[in-house]
Amino acid sequence: MIKVGIAGARGYTGRELIRYLLRHPEVKITSLWAHEIKPQGEIFSDLCPEFKGLLDIKIRPFSPSEVKNLDVVFLALPHTVSMKFVPKIIEKVNLVIDLSGDYRLKSPNVYKKWYKVTHSDCKNLRTAVYGLPEINREKIRNARLIANPGCYPSGIILGLYPLVREKLIANVSIIVDSKSGVSGAGRKKDIALLFAEVNEDVRPYKINDHQHIPEILQVLGIKSQKKFSFIPQVVPLTRGIINMIYIFFPSRFSEDIFSIYKNCYKDEPLIRIYGKQEIPQLKNVLHTSFCDLGYFNWLNERTFLIISCVDNLGKGAAGQAVHNMNIALGLEETLGLL
């Protein structure tokens, strides 16, 4: 069995990761860590009762010395925290998968600009593999450190990648209108995330200033933000992200964009392509690791629309992390996911 440890196990992403791994036939969860835990540890299922009878082990404060008997460590930690621990554990385990933003951006300067801190582990930043399987599968197979993609970038990149591969977005402008459930902000004390603040509202935030923008541009090879705009919004849902991707071409062309997507993703087990004018629904990806893509249609003579849906805790985080683990360890890709 593959022995696994999870840091940040009490958060939304950590708990979702545990749900996936408990049904994985090749995995045994042996270590759980979190902040604000008594030094002697506490029983995880007492703190998270949904796991009573399923995972009645102790959860402790994170200690790098505890990873030596593990095969895989998942870091479901806040941004800027993982880079403090990765150098201490990377040589002790076969695989580290970081679900924060600490190892996604290849440039330390870009990281500092968007995350407001200096990156302290440039050595591992250089070798980390960006873990979007549909694009980076071969590199993932040989990775020791995987940077799991952000929740917004997962759906947006997959929504645009086939056009990038066909070199069709060199001279276009792109606007992405995204709506996310509240769990995308993480499990933390924040007045803005209270039910009474979020309910019956749609709240745009960080308009064209979100830390996921450089990640999207980097992976898609878009050199400048001048022609890419991103409007994230919080909606009164627990989970899920729907992205409305508007692509403004110089003029309409006859090439069949729908066929490009069908061909690009025809062998991908976790991408579902809807019809040319079929609208994917957010509820159909909740609690799954699927990315649903649909409504490949011209709105007018120069504007093309693609809709992508993901679960921010599934394909946008925990499910994708398990997919990455399966690939890196040579397992069947969808084990524990379907």
C-alpha atoms as a PDB file:
ATOM      1  CA  MET A   1       0.000   0.000   0.000  1.00  0.00           C
ATOM      2  CA  ILE A   2       1.041   3.591  -0.667  1.00  0.00           C
ATOM      3  CA  LYS A   3       1.489   5.377   2.651  1.00  0.00           C
ATOM      4  CA  VAL A   4       0.203   8.940   2.535  1.00  0.00           C
ATOM      5  CA  GLY A   5       0.331  11.982   4.801  1.00  0.00           C
ATOM      6  CA  ILE A   6      -1.764  15.133   4.505  1.00  0.00           C
ATOM      7  CA  ALA A   7      -0.828  18.523   5.933  1.00  0.00           C
ATOM      8  CA  GLY A   8      -3.780  20.873   6.284  1.00  0.00           C
ATOM      9  CA  ALA A   9      -6.198  17.995   6.785  1.00  0.00           C
ATOM     10  CA  ARG A  10      -8.883  20.085   8.521  1.00  0.00           C
ATOM     11  CA  GLY A  11      -9.348  22.541   5.668  1.00  0.00           C
ATOM     12  CA  TYR A  12     -11.912  22.159   2.894  1.00  0.00           C
ATOM     13  CA  THR A  13      -9.310  20.898   0.424  1.00  0.00           C
ATOM     14  CA  GLY A  14      -7.681  18.579   2.961  1.00  0.00           C
ATOM     15  CA  ARG A  15     -10.984  16.992   3.891  1.00  0.00           C
ATOM     16  CA  GLU A  16     -11.938  16.555   0.247  1.00  0.00           C
ATOM     17  CA  LEU A  17      -8.564  14.942  -0.386  1.00  0.00           C
ATOM     18  CA  ILE A  18      -9.248  12.506   2.443  1.00  0.00           C
ATOM     19  CA  ARG A  19     -12.615  11.574   0.888  1.00  0.00           C
ATOM     20  CA  TYR A  20     -10.919  10.685  -2.391  1.00  0.00           C
ATOM     21  CA  LEU A  21      -8.059   8.796  -0.776  1.00  0.00           C
ATOM     22  CA  LEU A  22     -10.278   6.730   1.521  1.00  0.00           C
ATOM     23  CA  ARG A  23     -11.844   5.131  -1.559  1.00  0.00           C
ATOM     24  CA  HIS A  24      -8.513   4.687  -3.336  1.00  0.00           C
ATOM     25  CA  PRO A  25      -7.667   0.958  -3.420  1.00  0.00           C
ATOM     26  CA  GLU A  26      -3.896   1.465  -3.317  1.00  0.00           C
ATOM     27  CA  VAL A  27      -3.644   4.105  -0.564  1.00  0.00           C
ATOM     28  CA  LYS A  28      -3.436   4.056   3.212  1.00  0.00           C
ATOM     29  CA  ILE A  29      -3.638   7.391   5.045  1.00  0.00           C
ATOM     30  CA  THR A  30      -1.207   7.088   7.935  1.00  0.00           C
ATOM     31  CA  SER A  31      -0.452  10.700   8.942  1.00  0.00           C
ATOM     32  CA  LEU A  32      -2.562  13.842   9.305  1.00  0.00           C
ATOM     33  CA  TRP A  33      -1.339  17.280  10.312  1.00  0.00           C
ATOM     34  CA  ALA A  34      -2.918  20.680  10.895  1.00  0.00           C
ATOM     35  CA  HIS A  35      -2.429  23.997  12.653  1.00  0.00           C
ATOM     36  CA  GLU A  36      -4.188  24.752  15.953  1.00  0.00           C
ATOM     37  CA  ILE A  37      -3.946  21.155  17.147  1.00  0.00           C
ATOM     38  CA  LYS A  38      -2.875  20.170  20.650  1.00  0.00           C
ATOM     39  CA  PRO A  39       0.806  19.162  20.753  1.00  0.00           C
ATOM     40  CA  GLN A  40      -0.077  15.604  21.793  1.00  0.00           C
ATOM     41  CA  GLY A  41      -2.552  15.345  18.921  1.00  0.00           C
ATOM     42  CA  GLU A  42      -6.310  14.863  18.716  1.00  0.00           C
ATOM     43  CA  ILE A  43      -8.472  12.191  17.116  1.00  0.00           C
ATOM     44  CA  PHE A  44      -9.264  13.400  13.608  1.00  0.00           C
ATOM     45  CA  SER A  45     -12.788  11.969  13.538  1.00  0.00           C
ATOM     46  CA  ASP A  46     -13.622  13.842  16.749  1.00  0.00           C
ATOM     47  CA  LEU A  47     -12.752  17.099  15.006  1.00  0.00           C
ATOM     48  CA  CYS A  48     -14.334  16.081  11.681  1.00  0.00           C
ATOM     49  CA  PRO A  49     -17.220  13.748  12.647  1.00  0.00           C
ATOM     50  CA  GLU A  50     -18.082  12.853   9.047  1.00  0.00           C
ATOM     51  CA  PHE A  51     -15.043  10.558   9.174  1.00  0.00           C
ATOM     52  CA  LYS A  52     -16.038   8.724  12.364  1.00  0.00           C
ATOM     53  CA  GLY A  53     -15.374   5.031  11.871  1.00  0.00           C
ATOM     54  CA  LEU A  54     -13.471   5.795   8.661  1.00  0.00           C
ATOM     55  CA  LEU A  55     -10.364   7.593   9.866  1.00  0.00           C
ATOM     56  CA  ASP A  56      -9.997   7.454  13.631  1.00  0.00           C
ATOM     57  CA  ILE A  57      -6.311   8.389  13.773  1.00  0.00           C
ATOM     58  CA  LYS A  58      -4.523  11.240  15.480  1.00  0.00           C
ATOM     59  CA  ILE A  59      -3.997  14.559  13.790  1.00  0.00           C
ATOM     60  CA  ARG A  60      -0.922  16.435  14.977  1.00  0.00           C
ATOM     61  CA  PRO A  61       0.935  19.696  14.360  1.00  0.00           C
ATOM     62  CA  PHE A  62       3.050  19.265  11.251  1.00  0.00           C
ATOM     63  CA  SER A  63       6.562  17.962  11.834  1.00  0.00           C
ATOM     64  CA  PRO A  64       8.912  17.311   8.874  1.00  0.00           C
ATOM     65  CA  SER A  65      10.553  14.512  10.853  1.00  0.00           C
ATOM     66  CA  GLU A  66       7.363  12.431  10.622  1.00  0.00           C
ATOM     67  CA  VAL A  67       7.431  11.964   6.848  1.00  0.00           C
ATOM     68  CA  LYS A  68      10.328   9.488   6.645  1.00  0.00           C
ATOM     69  CA  ASN A  69       8.069   6.405   6.494  1.00  0.00           C
ATOM     70  CA  LEU A  70       5.686   7.873   3.920  1.00  0.00           C
ATOM     71  CA  ASP A  71       5.544   7.524   0.154  1.00  0.00           C
ATOM     72  CA  VAL A  72       3.511  10.645  -0.648  1.00  0.00           C
ATOM     73  CA  VAL A  73       2.895  13.910   1.196  1.00  0.00           C
ATOM     74  CA  PHE A  74       0.083  16.250   0.209  1.00  0.00           C
ATOM     75  CA  LEU A  75       0.417  19.859   1.360  1.00  0.00           C
ATOM     76  CA  ALA A  76      -3.045  21.415   1.533  1.00  0.00           C
ATOM     77  CA  LEU A  77      -1.673  24.545   3.174  1.00  0.00           C
ATOM     78  CA  PRO A  78      -2.281  28.273   2.691  1.00  0.00           C
ATOM     79  CA  HIS A  79      -0.249  30.147   0.091  1.00  0.00           C
ATOM     80  CA  THR A  80       3.281  31.122   1.256  1.00  0.00           C
ATOM     81  CA  VAL A  81       3.403  28.309   3.861  1.00  0.00           C
ATOM     82  CA  SER A  82       4.357  25.242   1.791  1.00  0.00           C
ATOM     83  CA  MET A  83       7.715  26.653   0.695  1.00  0.00           C
ATOM     84  CA  LYS A  84       8.822  26.614   4.340  1.00  0.00           C
ATOM     85  CA  PHE A  85       8.322  22.838   4.549  1.00  0.00           C
ATOM     86  CA  VAL A  86       9.111  21.458   1.087  1.00  0.00           C
ATOM     87  CA  PRO A  87      12.931  21.775   1.449  1.00  0.00           C
ATOM     88  CA  LYS A  88      12.721  19.805   4.723  1.00  0.00           C
ATOM     89  CA  ILE A  89      10.768  16.857   3.296  1.00  0.00           C
ATOM     90  CA  ILE A  90      11.492  16.634  -0.445  1.00  0.00           C
ATOM     91  CA  GLU A  91      14.380  14.154  -0.024  1.00  0.00           C
ATOM     92  CA  LYS A  92      12.529  11.986   2.497  1.00  0.00           C
ATOM     93  CA  VAL A  93       9.554  10.861   0.389  1.00  0.00           C
ATOM     94  CA  ASN A  94       8.943   9.699  -3.160  1.00  0.00           C
ATOM     95  CA  LEU A  95       6.471  12.443  -4.017  1.00  0.00           C
ATOM     96  CA  VAL A  96       5.296  15.793  -2.676  1.00  0.00           C
ATOM     97  CA  ILE A  97       2.140  17.378  -4.081  1.00  0.00           C
ATOM     98  CA  ASP A  98       1.603  20.994  -3.095  1.00  0.00           C
ATOM     99  CA  LEU A  99      -1.937  22.322  -3.435  1.00  0.00           C
ATOM    100  CA  SER A 100      -1.015  25.934  -2.685  1.00  0.00           C
ATOM    101  CA  GLY A 101       0.314  28.523  -5.115  1.00  0.00           C
ATOM    102  CA  ASP A 102       3.902  28.309  -3.880  1.00  0.00           C
ATOM    103  CA  TYR A 103       5.385  26.274  -6.738  1.00  0.00           C
ATOM    104  CA  ARG A 104       3.162  27.174  -9.695  1.00  0.00           C
ATOM    105  CA  LEU A 105       4.949  30.284 -10.920  1.00  0.00           C
ATOM    106  CA  LYS A 106       8.412  29.717 -12.352  1.00  0.00           C
ATOM    107  CA  SER A 107       9.660  33.255 -11.799  1.00  0.00           C
ATOM    108  CA  PRO A 108      10.445  34.260  -8.185  1.00  0.00           C
ATOM    109  CA  ASN A 109       9.908  37.881  -9.209  1.00  0.00           C
ATOM    110  CA  VAL A 110       6.439  37.150 -10.547  1.00  0.00           C
ATOM    111  CA  TYR A 111       5.667  35.190  -7.397  1.00  0.00           C
ATOM    112  CA  LYS A 112       6.714  38.129  -5.216  1.00  0.00           C
ATOM    113  CA  LYS A 113       4.632  40.557  -7.261  1.00  0.00           C
ATOM    114  CA  TRP A 114       1.414  38.562  -6.894  1.00  0.00           C
ATOM    115  CA  TYR A 115       1.826  36.875  -3.493  1.00  0.00           C
ATOM    116  CA  LYS A 116       3.586  39.829  -1.801  1.00  0.00           C
ATOM    117  CA  VAL A 117       6.390  37.745  -0.258  1.00  0.00           C
ATOM    118  CA  THR A 118       9.843  36.666  -1.399  1.00  0.00           C
ATOM    119  CA  HIS A 119      10.026  33.015  -2.414  1.00  0.00           C
ATOM    120  CA  SER A 120      12.345  31.172  -0.044  1.00  0.00           C
ATOM    121  CA  ASP A 121      12.842  27.954  -2.035  1.00  0.00           C
ATOM    122  CA  CYS A 122      13.976  28.873  -5.537  1.00  0.00           C
ATOM    123  CA  LYS A 123      15.840  25.571  -5.924  1.00  0.00           C
ATOM    124  CA  ASN A 124      12.690  23.459  -5.772  1.00  0.00           C
ATOM    125  CA  LEU A 125      10.674  26.101  -7.575  1.00  0.00           C
ATOM    126  CA  ARG A 126      12.853  25.486 -10.645  1.00  0.00           C
ATOM    127  CA  THR A 127      12.230  21.732 -10.660  1.00  0.00           C
ATOM    128  CA  ALA A 128       8.543  21.631  -9.636  1.00  0.00           C
ATOM    129  CA  VAL A 129       6.203  20.252 -12.308  1.00  0.00           C
ATOM    130  CA  TYR A 130       2.912  21.995 -12.997  1.00  0.00           C
ATOM    131  CA  GLY A 131       0.286  19.325 -12.391  1.00  0.00           C
ATOM    132  CA  LEU A 132      -2.346  19.730 -15.077  1.00  0.00           C
ATOM    133  CA  PRO A 133      -2.443  16.167 -16.493  1.00  0.00           C
ATOM    134  CA  GLU A 134      -4.130  17.000 -19.792  1.00  0.00           C
ATOM    135  CA  ILE A 135      -1.210  19.269 -20.688  1.00  0.00           C
ATOM    136  CA  ASN A 136       1.766  18.041 -18.665  1.00  0.00           C
ATOM    137  CA  ARG A 137       1.262  14.295 -18.327  1.00  0.00           C
ATOM    138  CA  GLU A 138       4.748  13.186 -19.392  1.00  0.00           C
ATOM    139  CA  LYS A 139       6.530  15.548 -17.002  1.00  0.00           C
ATOM    140  CA  ILE A 140       4.230  14.482 -14.177  1.00  0.00           C
ATOM    141  CA  ARG A 141       5.306  10.850 -14.674  1.00  0.00           C
ATOM    142  CA  ASN A 142       8.843  11.676 -13.507  1.00  0.00           C
ATOM    143  CA  ALA A 143       8.067  14.363 -10.939  1.00  0.00           C
ATOM    144  CA  ARG A 144       9.184  14.483  -7.308  1.00  0.00           C
ATOM    145  CA  LEU A 145       7.431  17.781  -6.570  1.00  0.00           C
ATOM    146  CA  ILE A 146       4.111  18.614  -8.235  1.00  0.00           C
ATOM    147  CA  ALA A 147       2.513  22.050  -8.125  1.00  0.00           C
ATOM    148  CA  ASN A 148      -1.202  21.346  -8.197  1.00  0.00           C
ATOM    149  CA  PRO A 149      -3.024  23.994 -10.303  1.00  0.00           C
ATOM    150  CA  GLY A 150      -5.335  26.601  -8.853  1.00  0.00           C
ATOM    151  CA  CYS A 151      -9.098  26.100  -9.018  1.00  0.00           C
ATOM    152  CA  TYR A 152      -9.823  28.964 -11.426  1.00  0.00           C
ATOM    153  CA  PRO A 153      -6.859  28.147 -13.707  1.00  0.00           C
ATOM    154  CA  SER A 154      -7.893  24.496 -14.026  1.00  0.00           C
ATOM    155  CA  GLY A 155     -11.150  25.285 -15.792  1.00  0.00           C
ATOM    156  CA  ILE A 156      -9.880  28.339 -17.653  1.00  0.00           C
ATOM    157  CA  ILE A 157      -6.692  26.749 -19.011  1.00  0.00           C
ATOM    158  CA  LEU A 158      -8.549  23.642 -20.130  1.00  0.00           C
ATOM    159  CA  GLY A 159     -11.112  25.893 -21.773  1.00  0.00           C
ATOM    160  CA  LEU A 160      -8.455  27.662 -23.849  1.00  0.00           C
ATOM    161  CA  TYR A 161      -5.675  25.119 -24.340  1.00  0.00           C
ATOM    162  CA  PRO A 162      -6.929  23.504 -27.592  1.00  0.00           C
ATOM    163  CA  LEU A 163      -6.964  26.919 -29.270  1.00  0.00           C
ATOM    164  CA  VAL A 164      -3.456  27.612 -27.977  1.00  0.00           C
ATOM    165  CA  ARG A 165      -2.257  24.272 -29.308  1.00  0.00           C
ATOM    166  CA  GLU A 166      -3.651  25.156 -32.740  1.00  0.00           C
ATOM    167  CA  LYS A 167      -2.108  28.664 -32.540  1.00  0.00           C
ATOM    168  CA  LEU A 168      -5.495  30.341 -32.905  1.00  0.00           C
ATOM    169  CA  ILE A 169      -5.318  32.912 -30.112  1.00  0.00           C
ATOM    170  CA  ALA A 170      -2.208  34.864 -31.107  1.00  0.00           C
ATOM    171  CA  ASN A 171      -4.165  37.986 -32.053  1.00  0.00           C
ATOM    172  CA  VAL A 172      -7.234  37.777 -29.860  1.00  0.00           C
ATOM    173  CA  SER A 173      -8.571  39.411 -26.713  1.00  0.00           C
ATOM    174  CA  ILE A 174      -9.975  37.208 -23.968  1.00  0.00           C
ATOM    175  CA  ILE A 175     -12.397  38.012 -21.157  1.00  0.00           C
ATOM    176  CA  VAL A 176     -13.124  35.368 -18.523  1.00  0.00           C
ATOM    177  CA  ASP A 177     -16.171  35.868 -16.310  1.00  0.00           C
ATOM    178  CA  SER A 178     -15.974  33.332 -13.447  1.00  0.00           C
ATOM    179  CA  LYS A 179     -18.320  32.576 -10.574  1.00  0.00           C
ATOM    180  CA  SER A 180     -17.128  30.508  -7.636  1.00  0.00           C
ATOM    181  CA  GLY A 181     -18.625  28.958  -4.536  1.00  0.00           C
ATOM    182  CA  VAL A 182     -17.475  30.221  -1.154  1.00  0.00           C
ATOM    183  CA  SER A 183     -15.243  27.235  -0.330  1.00  0.00           C
ATOM    184  CA  GLY A 184     -12.809  28.510  -2.968  1.00  0.00           C
ATOM    185  CA  ALA A 185     -11.641  31.064  -0.394  1.00  0.00           C
ATOM    186  CA  GLY A 186     -10.590  28.333   2.037  1.00  0.00           C
ATOM    187  CA  ARG A 187     -11.685  27.535   5.588  1.00  0.00           C
ATOM    188  CA  LYS A 188     -10.792  30.613   7.551  1.00  0.00           C
ATOM    189  CA  LYS A 189     -12.206  33.295   9.811  1.00  0.00           C
ATOM    190  CA  ASP A 190     -13.323  36.099   7.523  1.00  0.00           C
ATOM    191  CA  ILE A 191     -16.379  38.304   7.982  1.00  0.00           C
ATOM    192  CA  ALA A 192     -16.784  38.599   4.211  1.00  0.00           C
ATOM    193  CA  LEU A 193     -17.370  34.822   4.023  1.00  0.00           C
ATOM    194  CA  LEU A 194     -20.149  34.654   6.615  1.00  0.00           C
ATOM    195  CA  PHE A 195     -23.488  33.331   5.393  1.00  0.00           C
ATOM    196  CA  ALA A 196     -25.264  36.650   5.932  1.00  0.00           C
ATOM    197  CA  GLU A 197     -22.598  38.437   3.877  1.00  0.00           C
ATOM    198  CA  VAL A 198     -22.542  36.003   0.952  1.00  0.00           C
ATOM    199  CA  ASN A 199     -26.177  34.925   0.726  1.00  0.00           C
ATOM    200  CA  GLU A 200     -28.384  36.598  -1.904  1.00  0.00           C
ATOM    201  CA  ASP A 201     -25.400  38.356  -3.444  1.00  0.00           C
ATOM    202  CA  VAL A 202     -22.908  38.106  -6.296  1.00  0.00           C
ATOM    203  CA  ARG A 203     -19.647  39.752  -5.331  1.00  0.00           C
ATOM    204  CA  PRO A 204     -16.925  40.535  -7.882  1.00  0.00           C
ATOM    205  CA  TYR A 205     -13.469  40.796  -6.318  1.00  0.00           C
ATOM    206  CA  LYS A 206      -9.830  41.246  -7.363  1.00  0.00           C
ATOM    207  CA  ILE A 207     -11.021  42.289 -10.820  1.00  0.00           C
ATOM    208  CA  ASN A 208      -8.090  41.810 -13.192  1.00  0.00           C
ATOM    209  CA  ASP A 209      -5.860  41.603 -10.128  1.00  0.00           C
ATOM    210  CA  HIS A 210      -6.219  37.989  -9.007  1.00  0.00           C
ATOM    211  CA  GLN A 211      -3.107  35.938  -8.165  1.00  0.00           C
ATOM    212  CA  HIS A 212      -4.230  33.198 -10.557  1.00  0.00           C
ATOM    213  CA  ILE A 213      -3.781  35.464 -13.591  1.00  0.00           C
ATOM    214  CA  PRO A 214       0.000  34.935 -13.998  1.00  0.00           C
ATOM    215  CA  GLU A 215      -0.504  31.187 -13.609  1.00  0.00           C
ATOM    216  CA  ILE A 216      -2.998  31.134 -16.479  1.00  0.00           C
ATOM    217  CA  LEU A 217      -0.815  33.321 -18.691  1.00  0.00           C
ATOM    218  CA  GLN A 218       2.316  31.268 -17.943  1.00  0.00           C
ATOM    219  CA  VAL A 219       0.749  27.913 -18.832  1.00  0.00           C
ATOM    220  CA  LEU A 220      -0.958  29.192 -21.965  1.00  0.00           C
ATOM    221  CA  GLY A 221       2.130  31.077 -23.104  1.00  0.00           C
ATOM    222  CA  ILE A 222       0.334  34.434 -23.223  1.00  0.00           C
ATOM    223  CA  LYS A 223       3.096  37.025 -22.944  1.00  0.00           C
ATOM    224  CA  SER A 224       1.069  40.038 -21.875  1.00  0.00           C
ATOM    225  CA  GLN A 225      -1.954  40.652 -19.685  1.00  0.00           C
ATOM    226  CA  LYS A 226      -3.059  43.479 -21.973  1.00  0.00           C
ATOM    227  CA  LYS A 227      -5.390  41.218 -23.940  1.00  0.00           C
ATOM    228  CA  PHE A 228      -6.510  38.986 -21.074  1.00  0.00           C
ATOM    229  CA  SER A 229      -9.103  40.096 -18.505  1.00  0.00           C
ATOM    230  CA  PHE A 230     -10.363  38.081 -15.562  1.00  0.00           C
ATOM    231  CA  ILE A 231     -13.414  38.888 -13.435  1.00  0.00           C
ATOM    232  CA  PRO A 232     -13.819  36.424 -10.528  1.00  0.00           C
ATOM    233  CA  GLN A 233     -17.002  36.545  -8.477  1.00  0.00           C
ATOM    234  CA  VAL A 234     -18.208  34.855  -5.298  1.00  0.00           C
ATOM    235  CA  VAL A 235     -21.739  33.464  -5.447  1.00  0.00           C
ATOM    236  CA  PRO A 236     -23.839  31.939  -2.613  1.00  0.00           C
ATOM    237  CA  LEU A 237     -22.875  28.323  -3.290  1.00  0.00           C
ATOM    238  CA  THR A 238     -20.627  26.068  -1.242  1.00  0.00           C
ATOM    239  CA  ARG A 239     -18.591  24.754  -4.161  1.00  0.00           C
ATOM    240  CA  GLY A 240     -18.125  24.814  -7.929  1.00  0.00           C
ATOM    241  CA  ILE A 241     -16.833  27.244 -10.563  1.00  0.00           C
ATOM    242  CA  ILE A 242     -18.394  28.195 -13.881  1.00  0.00           C
ATOM    243  CA  ASN A 243     -16.245  30.111 -16.379  1.00  0.00           C
ATOM    244  CA  MET A 244     -17.709  32.073 -19.264  1.00  0.00           C
ATOM    245  CA  ILE A 245     -14.773  32.444 -21.664  1.00  0.00           C
ATOM    246  CA  TYR A 246     -15.257  35.133 -24.326  1.00  0.00           C
ATOM    247  CA  ILE A 247     -12.720  35.159 -27.158  1.00  0.00           C
ATOM    248  CA  PHE A 248     -12.670  38.192 -29.450  1.00  0.00           C
ATOM    249  CA  PHE A 249     -11.169  37.271 -32.818  1.00  0.00           C
ATOM    250  CA  PRO A 250     -10.253  39.860 -35.487  1.00  0.00           C
ATOM    251  CA  SER A 251     -13.022  38.314 -37.613  1.00  0.00           C
ATOM    252  CA  ARG A 252     -15.102  35.181 -37.825  1.00  0.00           C
ATOM    253  CA  PHE A 253     -13.523  32.185 -39.551  1.00  0.00           C
ATOM    254  CA  SER A 254     -14.831  28.910 -40.910  1.00  0.00           C
ATOM    255  CA  GLU A 255     -12.580  26.498 -39.013  1.00  0.00           C
ATOM    256  CA  ASP A 256     -14.598  24.128 -36.815  1.00  0.00           C
ATOM    257  CA  ILE A 257     -13.551  24.993 -33.263  1.00  0.00           C
ATOM    258  CA  PHE A 258     -15.803  22.310 -31.828  1.00  0.00           C
ATOM    259  CA  SER A 259     -13.892  19.596 -33.706  1.00  0.00           C
ATOM    260  CA  ILE A 260     -10.611  21.010 -32.405  1.00  0.00           C
ATOM    261  CA  TYR A 261     -11.813  20.454 -28.838  1.00  0.00           C
ATOM    262  CA  LYS A 262     -13.217  17.013 -29.539  1.00  0.00           C
ATOM    263  CA  ASN A 263      -9.914  15.903 -31.061  1.00  0.00           C
ATOM    264  CA  CYS A 264      -7.736  17.484 -28.377  1.00  0.00           C
ATOM    265  CA  TYR A 265      -9.540  15.853 -25.471  1.00  0.00           C
ATOM    266  CA  LYS A 266     -10.808  12.635 -27.055  1.00  0.00           C
ATOM    267  CA  ASP A 267      -8.623  10.421 -24.837  1.00  0.00           C
ATOM    268  CA  GLU A 268      -8.947  12.418 -21.614  1.00  0.00           C
ATOM    269  CA  PRO A 269     -10.987  10.523 -19.005  1.00  0.00           C
ATOM    270  CA  LEU A 270     -11.863  13.575 -16.919  1.00  0.00           C
ATOM    271  CA  ILE A 271     -12.849  16.005 -19.689  1.00  0.00           C
ATOM    272  CA  ARG A 272     -16.447  15.911 -20.901  1.00  0.00           C
ATOM    273  CA  ILE A 273     -17.279  17.770 -24.110  1.00  0.00           C
ATOM    274  CA  TYR A 274     -20.843  18.975 -24.530  1.00  0.00           C
ATOM    275  CA  GLY A 275     -22.453  19.782 -27.883  1.00  0.00           C
ATOM    276  CA  LYS A 276     -21.834  22.875 -29.999  1.00  0.00           C
ATOM    277  CA  GLN A 277     -24.686  24.800 -28.368  1.00  0.00           C
ATOM    278  CA  GLU A 278     -25.250  22.586 -25.351  1.00  0.00           C
ATOM    279  CA  ILE A 279     -24.845  24.413 -22.050  1.00  0.00           C
ATOM    280  CA  PRO A 280     -22.935  22.581 -19.286  1.00  0.00           C
ATOM    281  CA  GLN A 281     -24.429  22.955 -15.817  1.00  0.00           C
ATOM    282  CA  LEU A 282     -22.391  23.559 -12.712  1.00  0.00           C
ATOM    283  CA  LYS A 283     -24.334  21.044 -10.618  1.00  0.00           C
ATOM    284  CA  ASN A 284     -23.213  18.213 -12.898  1.00  0.00           C
ATOM    285  CA  VAL A 285     -19.550  18.521 -11.878  1.00  0.00           C
ATOM    286  CA  LEU A 286     -20.053  18.990  -8.137  1.00  0.00           C
ATOM    287  CA  HIS A 287     -18.326  16.311  -6.030  1.00  0.00           C
ATOM    288  CA  THR A 288     -16.488  15.054  -9.144  1.00  0.00           C
ATOM    289  CA  SER A 289     -13.109  15.482 -10.830  1.00  0.00           C
ATOM    290  CA  PHE A 290     -14.579  16.295 -14.241  1.00  0.00           C
ATOM    291  CA  CYS A 291     -14.107  19.435 -16.274  1.00  0.00           C
ATOM    292  CA  ASP A 292     -17.178  19.971 -18.469  1.00  0.00           C
ATOM    293  CA  LEU A 293     -16.747  22.094 -21.591  1.00  0.00           C
ATOM    294  CA  GLY A 294     -19.610  23.271 -23.774  1.00  0.00           C
ATOM    295  CA  TYR A 295     -21.423  25.921 -25.780  1.00  0.00           C
ATOM    296  CA  PHE A 296     -18.778  26.248 -28.501  1.00  0.00           C
ATOM    297  CA  ASN A 297     -20.560  28.944 -30.425  1.00  0.00           C
ATOM    298  CA  TRP A 298     -20.183  32.333 -32.094  1.00  0.00           C
ATOM    299  CA  LEU A 299     -22.124  35.097 -30.350  1.00  0.00           C
ATOM    300  CA  ASN A 300     -21.596  37.498 -33.228  1.00  0.00           C
ATOM    301  CA  GLU A 301     -19.214  38.006 -36.138  1.00  0.00           C
ATOM    302  CA  ARG A 302     -16.106  38.066 -33.959  1.00  0.00           C
ATOM    303  CA  THR A 303     -16.964  36.802 -30.461  1.00  0.00           C
ATOM    304  CA  PHE A 304     -16.744  33.109 -29.569  1.00  0.00           C
ATOM    305  CA  LEU A 305     -17.991  31.689 -26.254  1.00  0.00           C
ATOM    306  CA  ILE A 306     -16.828  28.603 -24.372  1.00  0.00           C
ATOM    307  CA  ILE A 307     -18.285  27.567 -21.013  1.00  0.00           C
ATOM    308  CA  SER A 308     -16.256  25.454 -18.590  1.00  0.00           C
ATOM    309  CA  CYS A 309     -17.360  24.009 -15.255  1.00  0.00           C
ATOM    310  CA  VAL A 310     -15.295  22.401 -12.496  1.00  0.00           C
ATOM    311  CA  ASP A 311     -15.702  21.643  -8.831  1.00  0.00           C
ATOM    312  CA  ASN A 312     -13.138  23.858  -7.118  1.00  0.00           C
ATOM    313  CA  LEU A 313     -12.549  21.144  -4.502  1.00  0.00           C
ATOM    314  CA  GLY A 314     -12.499  18.312  -7.062  1.00  0.00           C
ATOM    315  CA  LYS A 315     -10.903  18.988 -10.440  1.00  0.00           C
ATOM    316  CA  GLY A 316      -9.792  22.338  -9.020  1.00  0.00           C
ATOM    317  CA  ALA A 317      -7.905  20.857  -6.063  1.00  0.00           C
ATOM    318  CA  ALA A 318      -8.145  17.459  -4.339  1.00  0.00           C
ATOM    319  CA  GLY A 319      -9.322  15.326  -7.261  1.00  0.00           C
ATOM    320  CA  GLN A 320      -6.606  16.751  -9.464  1.00  0.00           C
ATOM    321  CA  ALA A 321      -4.003  16.074  -6.772  1.00  0.00           C
ATOM    322  CA  VAL A 322      -5.025  12.405  -6.677  1.00  0.00           C
ATOM    323  CA  HIS A 323      -4.952  12.287 -10.496  1.00  0.00           C
ATOM    324  CA  ASN A 324      -1.400  13.645 -10.354  1.00  0.00           C
ATOM    325  CA  MET A 325      -0.388  11.086  -7.745  1.00  0.00           C
ATOM    326  CA  ASN A 326      -1.761   8.243  -9.855  1.00  0.00           C
ATOM    327  CA  ILE A 327       0.222   9.366 -12.895  1.00  0.00           C
ATOM    328  CA  ALA A 328       3.447  10.005 -10.983  1.00  0.00           C
ATOM    329  CA  LEU A 329       3.328   6.575  -9.322  1.00  0.00           C
ATOM    330  CA  GLY A 330       2.389   4.695 -12.485  1.00  0.00           C
ATOM    331  CA  LEU A 331      -1.128   3.774 -11.324  1.00  0.00           C
ATOM    332  CA  GLU A 332      -4.345   3.696 -13.307  1.00  0.00           C
ATOM    333  CA  GLU A 333      -5.102   7.408 -13.742  1.00  0.00           C
ATOM    334  CA  THR A 334      -8.666   7.420 -12.487  1.00  0.00           C
ATOM    335  CA  LEU A 335      -8.197   5.222  -9.390  1.00  0.00           C
ATOM    336  CA  GLY A 336     -10.178   6.749  -6.538  1.00  0.00           C
ATOM    337  CA  LEU A 337     -11.730   9.352  -8.831  1.00  0.00           C
ATOM    338  CA  LEU A 338     -14.620   7.666 -10.640  1.00  0.00           C
END
